[in-house]
Structures are given as C-alpha cells and as structure tokens.
PDB file of all heavy atoms in Angstrom:
ATOM      1  N   ALA A   1     102.713 137.009 146.440  1.00  0.00           N
ATOM      2  CA  ALA A   1     103.778 137.596 147.213  1.00  0.00           C
ATOM      3  C   ALA A   1     104.238 136.640 148.314  1.00  0.00           C
ATOM      4  O   ALA A   1     103.418 136.069 149.035  1.00  0.00           O
ATOM      5  CB  ALA A   1     103.375 138.949 147.781  1.00  0.00           C
ATOM      6  N   GLU A   2     105.575 136.543 148.512  1.00  0.00           N
ATOM      7  CA  GLU A   2     106.096 135.652 149.529  1.00  0.00           C
ATOM      8  C   GLU A   2     107.091 136.343 150.431  1.00  0.00           C
ATOM      9  O   GLU A   2     107.488 135.772 151.463  1.00  0.00           O
ATOM     10  CB  GLU A   2     106.797 134.444 148.868  1.00  0.00           C
ATOM     11  CG  GLU A   2     105.833 133.583 148.051  1.00  0.00           C
ATOM     12  CD  GLU A   2     106.526 132.406 147.412  1.00  0.00           C
ATOM     13  OE1 GLU A   2     107.806 132.379 147.432  1.00  0.00           O
ATOM     14  OE2 GLU A   2     105.866 131.525 146.856  1.00  0.00           O
ATOM     15  N   GLY A   3     107.548 137.522 150.126  1.00  0.00           N
ATOM     16  CA  GLY A   3     108.532 138.218 150.923  1.00  0.00           C
ATOM     17  C   GLY A   3     107.959 139.367 151.735  1.00  0.00           C
ATOM     18  O   GLY A   3     106.866 139.243 152.300  1.00  0.00           O
ATOM     19  N   TRP A   4     108.654 140.517 151.744  1.00  0.00           N
ATOM     20  CA  TRP A   4     108.218 141.659 152.529  1.00  0.00           C
ATOM     21  C   TRP A   4     106.866 142.199 152.051  1.00  0.00           C
ATOM     22  O   TRP A   4     106.133 142.871 152.801  1.00  0.00           O
ATOM     23  CB  TRP A   4     109.248 142.782 152.428  1.00  0.00           C
ATOM     24  CG  TRP A   4     109.512 143.318 151.038  1.00  0.00           C
ATOM     25  CD1 TRP A   4     110.451 142.889 150.154  1.00  0.00           C
ATOM     26  CD2 TRP A   4     108.735 144.288 150.344  1.00  0.00           C
ATOM     27  NE1 TRP A   4     110.343 143.570 148.982  1.00  0.00           N
ATOM     28  CE2 TRP A   4     109.346 144.462 149.083  1.00  0.00           C
ATOM     29  CE3 TRP A   4     107.669 145.114 150.723  1.00  0.00           C
ATOM     30  CZ2 TRP A   4     108.833 145.395 148.159  1.00  0.00           C
ATOM     31  CZ3 TRP A   4     107.206 146.030 149.799  1.00  0.00           C
ATOM     32  CH2 TRP A   4     107.773 146.168 148.522  1.00  0.00           C
ATOM     33  N   ASP A   5     106.501 141.917 150.781  1.00  0.00           N
ATOM     34  CA  ASP A   5     105.261 142.459 150.236  1.00  0.00           C
ATOM     35  C   ASP A   5     104.089 141.501 150.375  1.00  0.00           C
ATOM     36  O   ASP A   5     103.070 141.633 149.694  1.00  0.00           O
ATOM     37  CB  ASP A   5     105.441 142.841 148.779  1.00  0.00           C
ATOM     38  CG  ASP A   5     105.909 141.684 147.893  1.00  0.00           C
ATOM     39  OD1 ASP A   5     106.348 140.689 148.464  1.00  0.00           O
ATOM     40  OD2 ASP A   5     105.762 141.788 146.663  1.00  0.00           O
ATOM     41  N   ALA A   6     104.233 140.485 151.257  1.00  0.00           N
ATOM     42  CA  ALA A   6     103.141 139.577 151.533  1.00  0.00           C
ATOM     43  C   ALA A   6     102.322 140.200 152.717  1.00  0.00           C
ATOM     44  O   ALA A   6     102.647 139.991 153.878  1.00  0.00           O
ATOM     45  CB  ALA A   6     103.637 138.189 151.911  1.00  0.00           C
ATOM     46  N   PHE A   7     101.322 140.928 152.344  1.00  0.00           N
ATOM     47  CA  PHE A   7     100.527 141.678 153.339  1.00  0.00           C
ATOM     48  C   PHE A   7      99.330 140.846 153.847  1.00  0.00           C
ATOM     49  O   PHE A   7      98.777 140.015 153.158  1.00  0.00           O
ATOM     50  CB  PHE A   7     100.001 142.998 152.767  1.00  0.00           C
ATOM     51  CG  PHE A   7     101.112 143.896 152.276  1.00  0.00           C
ATOM     52  CD1 PHE A   7     101.252 144.170 150.907  1.00  0.00           C
ATOM     53  CD2 PHE A   7     102.012 144.460 153.146  1.00  0.00           C
ATOM     54  CE1 PHE A   7     102.260 144.967 150.446  1.00  0.00           C
ATOM     55  CE2 PHE A   7     103.035 145.281 152.685  1.00  0.00           C
ATOM     56  CZ  PHE A   7     103.155 145.534 151.325  1.00  0.00           C
ATOM     57  N   THR A   8      98.935 141.141 155.097  1.00  0.00           N
ATOM     58  CA  THR A   8      97.810 140.461 155.684  1.00  0.00           C
ATOM     59  C   THR A   8      96.564 141.330 155.743  1.00  0.00           C
ATOM     60  O   THR A   8      95.483 140.982 155.200  1.00  0.00           O
ATOM     61  CB  THR A   8      98.166 139.987 157.107  1.00  0.00           C
ATOM     62  OG1 THR A   8      99.295 139.100 157.053  1.00  0.00           O
ATOM     63  CG2 THR A   8      96.997 139.213 157.745  1.00  0.00           C
ATOM     64  N   GLU A   9      96.660 142.479 156.398  1.00  0.00           N
ATOM     65  CA  GLU A   9      95.520 143.408 156.486  1.00  0.00           C
ATOM     66  C   GLU A   9      96.085 144.833 156.533  1.00  0.00           C
ATOM     67  O   GLU A   9      96.777 145.205 157.488  1.00  0.00           O
ATOM     68  CB  GLU A   9      94.674 143.134 157.742  1.00  0.00           C
ATOM     69  CG  GLU A   9      93.495 144.084 157.879  1.00  0.00           C
ATOM     70  CD  GLU A   9      92.661 143.802 159.131  1.00  0.00           C
ATOM     71  OE1 GLU A   9      92.895 142.790 159.778  1.00  0.00           O
ATOM     72  OE2 GLU A   9      91.762 144.625 159.379  1.00  0.00           O
ATOM     73  N   ILE A  10      95.836 145.589 155.475  1.00  0.00           N
ATOM     74  CA  ILE A  10      96.321 146.959 155.412  1.00  0.00           C
ATOM     75  C   ILE A  10      95.417 147.869 156.242  1.00  0.00           C
ATOM     76  O   ILE A  10      94.273 148.107 155.938  1.00  0.00           O
ATOM     77  CB  ILE A  10      96.373 147.468 153.943  1.00  0.00           C
ATOM     78  CG1 ILE A  10      97.117 146.468 153.072  1.00  0.00           C
ATOM     79  CG2 ILE A  10      96.989 148.854 153.910  1.00  0.00           C
ATOM     80  CD1 ILE A  10      98.554 146.236 153.483  1.00  0.00           C
ATOM     81  N   ALA A  11      96.008 148.401 157.349  1.00  0.00           N
ATOM     82  CA  ALA A  11      95.225 149.274 158.245  1.00  0.00           C
ATOM     83  C   ALA A  11      95.387 150.730 157.918  1.00  0.00           C
ATOM     84  O   ALA A  11      94.459 151.518 158.130  1.00  0.00           O
ATOM     85  CB  ALA A  11      95.677 149.025 159.715  1.00  0.00           C
ATOM     86  N   ASP A  12      96.554 151.135 157.406  1.00  0.00           N
ATOM     87  CA  ASP A  12      96.826 152.534 157.081  1.00  0.00           C
ATOM     88  C   ASP A  12      97.745 152.630 155.906  1.00  0.00           C
ATOM     89  O   ASP A  12      98.648 151.798 155.741  1.00  0.00           O
ATOM     90  CB  ASP A  12      97.441 153.284 158.259  1.00  0.00           C
ATOM     91  CG  ASP A  12      96.468 153.610 159.377  1.00  0.00           C
ATOM     92  OD1 ASP A  12      95.372 154.115 159.107  1.00  0.00           O
ATOM     93  OD2 ASP A  12      96.809 153.292 160.562  1.00  0.00           O
ATOM     94  N   LEU A  13      97.514 153.665 155.067  1.00  0.00           N
ATOM     95  CA  LEU A  13      98.425 154.031 153.977  1.00  0.00           C
ATOM     96  C   LEU A  13      98.653 155.523 154.022  1.00  0.00           C
ATOM     97  O   LEU A  13      97.664 156.283 154.255  1.00  0.00           O
ATOM     98  CB  LEU A  13      97.843 153.644 152.604  1.00  0.00           C
ATOM     99  CG  LEU A  13      97.802 152.214 152.096  1.00  0.00           C
ATOM    100  CD1 LEU A  13      97.179 152.205 150.749  1.00  0.00           C
ATOM    101  CD2 LEU A  13      99.182 151.642 152.055  1.00  0.00           C
ATOM    102  N   ASP A  14      99.882 155.974 153.755  1.00  0.00           N
ATOM    103  CA  ASP A  14     100.098 157.437 153.719  1.00  0.00           C
ATOM    104  C   ASP A  14     101.388 157.707 152.969  1.00  0.00           C
ATOM    105  O   ASP A  14     102.302 156.867 152.925  1.00  0.00           O
ATOM    106  CB  ASP A  14     100.165 158.008 155.139  1.00  0.00           C
ATOM    107  CG  ASP A  14      99.746 159.476 155.195  1.00  0.00           C
ATOM    108  OD1 ASP A  14      99.329 160.012 154.176  1.00  0.00           O
ATOM    109  OD2 ASP A  14      99.808 160.077 156.294  1.00  0.00           O
ATOM    110  N   PHE A  15     101.465 158.911 152.357  1.00  0.00           N
ATOM    111  CA  PHE A  15     102.639 159.344 151.628  1.00  0.00           C
ATOM    112  C   PHE A  15     103.367 160.428 152.367  1.00  0.00           C
ATOM    113  O   PHE A  15     102.770 161.241 153.123  1.00  0.00           O
ATOM    114  CB  PHE A  15     102.230 159.948 150.260  1.00  0.00           C
ATOM    115  CG  PHE A  15     101.763 158.940 149.250  1.00  0.00           C
ATOM    116  CD1 PHE A  15     100.402 158.646 149.122  1.00  0.00           C
ATOM    117  CD2 PHE A  15     102.665 158.356 148.385  1.00  0.00           C
ATOM    118  CE1 PHE A  15      99.965 157.739 148.141  1.00  0.00           C
ATOM    119  CE2 PHE A  15     102.258 157.446 147.407  1.00  0.00           C
ATOM    120  CZ  PHE A  15     100.886 157.147 147.282  1.00  0.00           C
ATOM    121  N   ASP A  16     104.695 160.530 152.132  1.00  0.00           N
ATOM    122  CA  ASP A  16     105.453 161.729 152.563  1.00  0.00           C
ATOM    123  C   ASP A  16     105.621 162.619 151.334  1.00  0.00           C
ATOM    124  O   ASP A  16     105.206 162.287 150.198  1.00  0.00           O
ATOM    125  CB  ASP A  16     106.753 161.337 153.244  1.00  0.00           C
ATOM    126  CG  ASP A  16     107.805 160.675 152.325  1.00  0.00           C
ATOM    127  OD1 ASP A  16     107.625 160.801 151.093  1.00  0.00           O
ATOM    128  OD2 ASP A  16     108.735 160.090 152.840  1.00  0.00           O
ATOM    129  N   ALA A  17     106.291 163.767 151.522  1.00  0.00           N
ATOM    130  CA  ALA A  17     106.433 164.741 150.470  1.00  0.00           C
ATOM    131  C   ALA A  17     107.327 164.252 149.330  1.00  0.00           C
ATOM    132  O   ALA A  17     107.267 164.793 148.209  1.00  0.00           O
ATOM    133  CB  ALA A  17     106.989 166.059 151.048  1.00  0.00           C
ATOM    134  N   GLY A  18     108.141 163.198 149.593  1.00  0.00           N
ATOM    135  CA  GLY A  18     109.019 162.689 148.560  1.00  0.00           C
ATOM    136  C   GLY A  18     108.342 161.553 147.751  1.00  0.00           C
ATOM    137  O   GLY A  18     109.019 160.979 146.921  1.00  0.00           O
ATOM    138  N   GLY A  19     107.114 161.253 148.002  1.00  0.00           N
ATOM    139  CA  GLY A  19     106.438 160.186 147.299  1.00  0.00           C
ATOM    140  C   GLY A  19     106.638 158.782 147.819  1.00  0.00           C
ATOM    141  O   GLY A  19     106.187 157.822 147.236  1.00  0.00           O
ATOM    142  N   ARG A  20     107.336 158.656 148.985  1.00  0.00           N
ATOM    143  CA  ARG A  20     107.419 157.362 149.592  1.00  0.00           C
ATOM    144  C   ARG A  20     106.121 156.956 150.206  1.00  0.00           C
ATOM    145  O   ARG A  20     105.430 157.812 150.838  1.00  0.00           O
ATOM    146  CB  ARG A  20     108.546 157.354 150.707  1.00  0.00           C
ATOM    147  CG  ARG A  20     109.949 157.386 150.141  1.00  0.00           C
ATOM    148  CD  ARG A  20     110.942 157.435 151.272  1.00  0.00           C
ATOM    149  NE  ARG A  20     110.889 158.705 151.965  1.00  0.00           N
ATOM    150  CZ  ARG A  20     111.877 159.585 152.047  1.00  0.00           C
ATOM    151  NH1 ARG A  20     113.070 159.315 151.516  1.00  0.00           N
ATOM    152  NH2 ARG A  20     111.727 160.721 152.723  1.00  0.00           N
ATOM    153  N   LEU A  21     105.779 155.687 150.110  1.00  0.00           N
ATOM    154  CA  LEU A  21     104.511 155.170 150.636  1.00  0.00           C
ATOM    155  C   LEU A  21     104.790 154.373 151.919  1.00  0.00           C
ATOM    156  O   LEU A  21     105.657 153.525 151.955  1.00  0.00           O
ATOM    157  CB  LEU A  21     103.791 154.281 149.618  1.00  0.00           C
ATOM    158  CG  LEU A  21     102.454 153.710 150.005  1.00  0.00           C
ATOM    159  CD1 LEU A  21     101.447 154.801 150.192  1.00  0.00           C
ATOM    160  CD2 LEU A  21     101.995 152.687 148.972  1.00  0.00           C
ATOM    161  N   TYR A  22     103.992 154.676 152.957  1.00  0.00           N
ATOM    162  CA  TYR A  22     104.109 154.022 154.270  1.00  0.00           C
ATOM    163  C   TYR A  22     102.873 153.162 154.473  1.00  0.00           C
ATOM    164  O   TYR A  22     101.746 153.632 154.293  1.00  0.00           O
ATOM    165  CB  TYR A  22     104.281 155.038 155.377  1.00  0.00           C
ATOM    166  CG  TYR A  22     105.477 155.874 155.245  1.00  0.00           C
ATOM    167  CD1 TYR A  22     105.548 156.963 154.347  1.00  0.00           C
ATOM    168  CD2 TYR A  22     106.668 155.605 155.981  1.00  0.00           C
ATOM    169  CE1 TYR A  22     106.690 157.750 154.216  1.00  0.00           C
ATOM    170  CE2 TYR A  22     107.798 156.361 155.852  1.00  0.00           C
ATOM    171  CZ  TYR A  22     107.831 157.441 154.961  1.00  0.00           C
ATOM    172  OH  TYR A  22     108.985 158.195 154.821  1.00  0.00           O
ATOM    173  N   ILE A  23     103.085 151.911 154.861  1.00  0.00           N
ATOM    174  CA  ILE A  23     102.034 150.935 154.949  1.00  0.00           C
ATOM    175  C   ILE A  23     102.015 150.329 156.339  1.00  0.00           C
ATOM    176  O   ILE A  23     103.069 149.851 156.862  1.00  0.00           O
ATOM    177  CB  ILE A  23     102.272 149.776 153.925  1.00  0.00           C
ATOM    178  CG1 ILE A  23     102.405 150.376 152.508  1.00  0.00           C
ATOM    179  CG2 ILE A  23     101.160 148.734 154.016  1.00  0.00           C
ATOM    180  CD1 ILE A  23     103.158 149.440 151.556  1.00  0.00           C
ATOM    181  N   ARG A  24     100.834 150.371 156.986  1.00  0.00           N
ATOM    182  CA  ARG A  24     100.690 149.618 158.270  1.00  0.00           C
ATOM    183  C   ARG A  24      99.961 148.336 157.982  1.00  0.00           C
ATOM    184  O   ARG A  24      98.815 148.338 157.578  1.00  0.00           O
ATOM    185  CB  ARG A  24      99.941 150.450 159.291  1.00  0.00           C
ATOM    186  CG  ARG A  24      99.661 149.676 160.598  1.00  0.00           C
ATOM    187  CD  ARG A  24      99.295 150.562 161.788  1.00  0.00           C
ATOM    188  NE  ARG A  24      97.948 151.108 161.697  1.00  0.00           N
ATOM    189  CZ  ARG A  24      96.901 150.655 162.361  1.00  0.00           C
ATOM    190  NH1 ARG A  24      97.026 149.562 163.125  1.00  0.00           N
ATOM    191  NH2 ARG A  24      95.710 151.241 162.247  1.00  0.00           N
ATOM    192  N   ASP A  25     100.652 147.222 158.234  1.00  0.00           N
ATOM    193  CA  ASP A  25     100.090 145.881 157.982  1.00  0.00           C
ATOM    194  C   ASP A  25      99.846 145.226 159.317  1.00  0.00           C
ATOM    195  O   ASP A  25     100.779 145.090 160.122  1.00  0.00           O
ATOM    196  CB  ASP A  25     101.051 145.079 157.130  1.00  0.00           C
ATOM    197  CG  ASP A  25     100.496 143.710 156.734  1.00  0.00           C
ATOM    198  OD1 ASP A  25      99.307 143.621 156.554  1.00  0.00           O
ATOM    199  OD2 ASP A  25     101.326 142.758 156.627  1.00  0.00           O
ATOM    200  N   GLU A  26      98.608 144.755 159.546  1.00  0.00           N
ATOM    201  CA  GLU A  26      98.251 144.084 160.755  1.00  0.00           C
ATOM    202  C   GLU A  26      98.097 142.583 160.564  1.00  0.00           C
ATOM    203  O   GLU A  26      97.390 142.202 159.619  1.00  0.00           O
ATOM    204  CB  GLU A  26      96.950 144.673 161.352  1.00  0.00           C
ATOM    205  CG  GLU A  26      97.085 146.117 161.812  1.00  0.00           C
ATOM    206  CD  GLU A  26      97.859 146.285 163.073  1.00  0.00           C
ATOM    207  OE1 GLU A  26      98.028 145.281 163.816  1.00  0.00           O
ATOM    208  OE2 GLU A  26      98.321 147.413 163.368  1.00  0.00           O
ATOM    209  N   ALA A  27      98.751 141.798 161.380  1.00  0.00           N
ATOM    210  CA  ALA A  27      98.612 140.335 161.282  1.00  0.00           C
ATOM    211  C   ALA A  27      98.469 139.792 162.705  1.00  0.00           C
ATOM    212  O   ALA A  27      99.448 139.669 163.492  1.00  0.00           O
ATOM    213  CB  ALA A  27      99.844 139.711 160.642  1.00  0.00           C
ATOM    214  N   GLY A  28      97.206 139.503 163.099  1.00  0.00           N
ATOM    215  CA  GLY A  28      96.964 139.073 164.496  1.00  0.00           C
ATOM    216  C   GLY A  28      97.308 140.147 165.466  1.00  0.00           C
ATOM    217  O   GLY A  28      96.762 141.268 165.399  1.00  0.00           O
ATOM    218  N   SER A  29      98.207 139.860 166.368  1.00  0.00           N
ATOM    219  CA  SER A  29      98.572 140.854 167.392  1.00  0.00           C
ATOM    220  C   SER A  29      99.826 141.632 167.017  1.00  0.00           C
ATOM    221  O   SER A  29     100.355 142.440 167.833  1.00  0.00           O
ATOM    222  CB  SER A  29      98.826 140.162 168.744  1.00  0.00           C
ATOM    223  OG  SER A  29      99.883 139.193 168.605  1.00  0.00           O
ATOM    224  N   SER A  30     100.354 141.421 165.845  1.00  0.00           N
ATOM    225  CA  SER A  30     101.577 142.115 165.388  1.00  0.00           C
ATOM    226  C   SER A  30     101.291 143.258 164.453  1.00  0.00           C
ATOM    227  O   SER A  30     100.320 143.183 163.674  1.00  0.00           O
ATOM    228  CB  SER A  30     102.582 141.114 164.764  1.00  0.00           C
ATOM    229  OG  SER A  30     102.060 140.637 163.551  1.00  0.00           O
ATOM    230  N   THR A  31     102.095 144.294 164.480  1.00  0.00           N
ATOM    231  CA  THR A  31     102.002 145.411 163.590  1.00  0.00           C
ATOM    232  C   THR A  31     103.330 145.597 162.857  1.00  0.00           C
ATOM    233  O   THR A  31     104.398 145.546 163.498  1.00  0.00           O
ATOM    234  CB  THR A  31     101.687 146.713 164.367  1.00  0.00           C
ATOM    235  OG1 THR A  31     100.431 146.591 165.001  1.00  0.00           O
ATOM    236  CG2 THR A  31     101.685 147.917 163.429  1.00  0.00           C
ATOM    237  N   ARG A  32     103.231 145.744 161.552  1.00  0.00           N
ATOM    238  CA  ARG A  32     104.425 145.899 160.713  1.00  0.00           C
ATOM    239  C   ARG A  32     104.313 147.165 159.887  1.00  0.00           C
ATOM    240  O   ARG A  32     103.280 147.384 159.247  1.00  0.00           O
ATOM    241  CB  ARG A  32     104.600 144.659 159.839  1.00  0.00           C
ATOM    242  CG  ARG A  32     105.829 144.651 158.909  1.00  0.00           C
ATOM    243  CD  ARG A  32     105.955 143.275 158.251  1.00  0.00           C
ATOM    244  NE  ARG A  32     104.842 143.062 157.336  1.00  0.00           N
ATOM    245  CZ  ARG A  32     104.952 142.929 156.004  1.00  0.00           C
ATOM    246  NH1 ARG A  32     106.131 143.006 155.459  1.00  0.00           N
ATOM    247  NH2 ARG A  32     103.901 142.700 155.263  1.00  0.00           N
ATOM    248  N   ILE A  33     105.365 147.953 159.875  1.00  0.00           N
ATOM    249  CA  ILE A  33     105.399 149.155 159.044  1.00  0.00           C
ATOM    250  C   ILE A  33     106.357 148.928 157.909  1.00  0.00           C
ATOM    251  O   ILE A  33     107.504 148.535 158.107  1.00  0.00           O
ATOM    252  CB  ILE A  33     105.839 150.415 159.843  1.00  0.00           C
ATOM    253  CG1 ILE A  33     105.035 150.586 161.131  1.00  0.00           C
ATOM    254  CG2 ILE A  33     105.735 151.659 158.983  1.00  0.00           C
ATOM    255  CD1 ILE A  33     103.563 150.760 160.948  1.00  0.00           C
ATOM    256  N   VAL A  34     105.859 149.119 156.672  1.00  0.00           N
ATOM    257  CA  VAL A  34     106.674 148.931 155.463  1.00  0.00           C
ATOM    258  C   VAL A  34     106.761 150.255 154.730  1.00  0.00           C
ATOM    259  O   VAL A  34     105.752 150.958 154.574  1.00  0.00           O
ATOM    260  CB  VAL A  34     106.025 147.844 154.551  1.00  0.00           C
ATOM    261  CG1 VAL A  34     106.806 147.701 153.269  1.00  0.00           C
ATOM    262  CG2 VAL A  34     105.908 146.515 155.308  1.00  0.00           C
ATOM    263  N   VAL A  35     107.997 150.629 154.314  1.00  0.00           N
ATOM    264  CA  VAL A  35     108.230 151.860 153.557  1.00  0.00           C
ATOM    265  C   VAL A  35     108.635 151.467 152.136  1.00  0.00           C
ATOM    266  O   VAL A  35     109.573 150.655 151.980  1.00  0.00           O
ATOM    267  CB  VAL A  35     109.309 152.714 154.245  1.00  0.00           C
ATOM    268  CG1 VAL A  35     109.389 154.071 153.550  1.00  0.00           C
ATOM    269  CG2 VAL A  35     109.021 152.888 155.728  1.00  0.00           C
ATOM    270  N   VAL A  36     107.994 152.061 151.151  1.00  0.00           N
ATOM    271  CA  VAL A  36     108.262 151.765 149.745  1.00  0.00           C
ATOM    272  C   VAL A  36     108.623 153.030 148.981  1.00  0.00           C
ATOM    273  O   VAL A  36     107.976 154.077 149.237  1.00  0.00           O
ATOM    274  CB  VAL A  36     107.018 151.059 149.127  1.00  0.00           C
ATOM    275  CG1 VAL A  36     107.252 150.686 147.645  1.00  0.00           C
ATOM    276  CG2 VAL A  36     106.635 149.820 149.903  1.00  0.00           C
TER     277      VAL A  36
END
C-alpha cells in the first residue's frame, strides 16, 4: 500500500450501523482517522 491505505499502527477499529469501518492509525505523534 502506498496511498491512504498505507497504515502504520492500527489503534482502534469500529463499525457504524451502515457497515462503514472507522480506523484510527497512529504514526509517531500523529493520529489519522480513515473511513471505509
């Protein structure tokens, strides 16, 4: 993976009622939330 799906450390995963997946990716001192 080289784009938005290049993850470093997955800290949290969770779904909403519509089946969307929410991902908390930690890279050093930064936090990134990705919705799929």
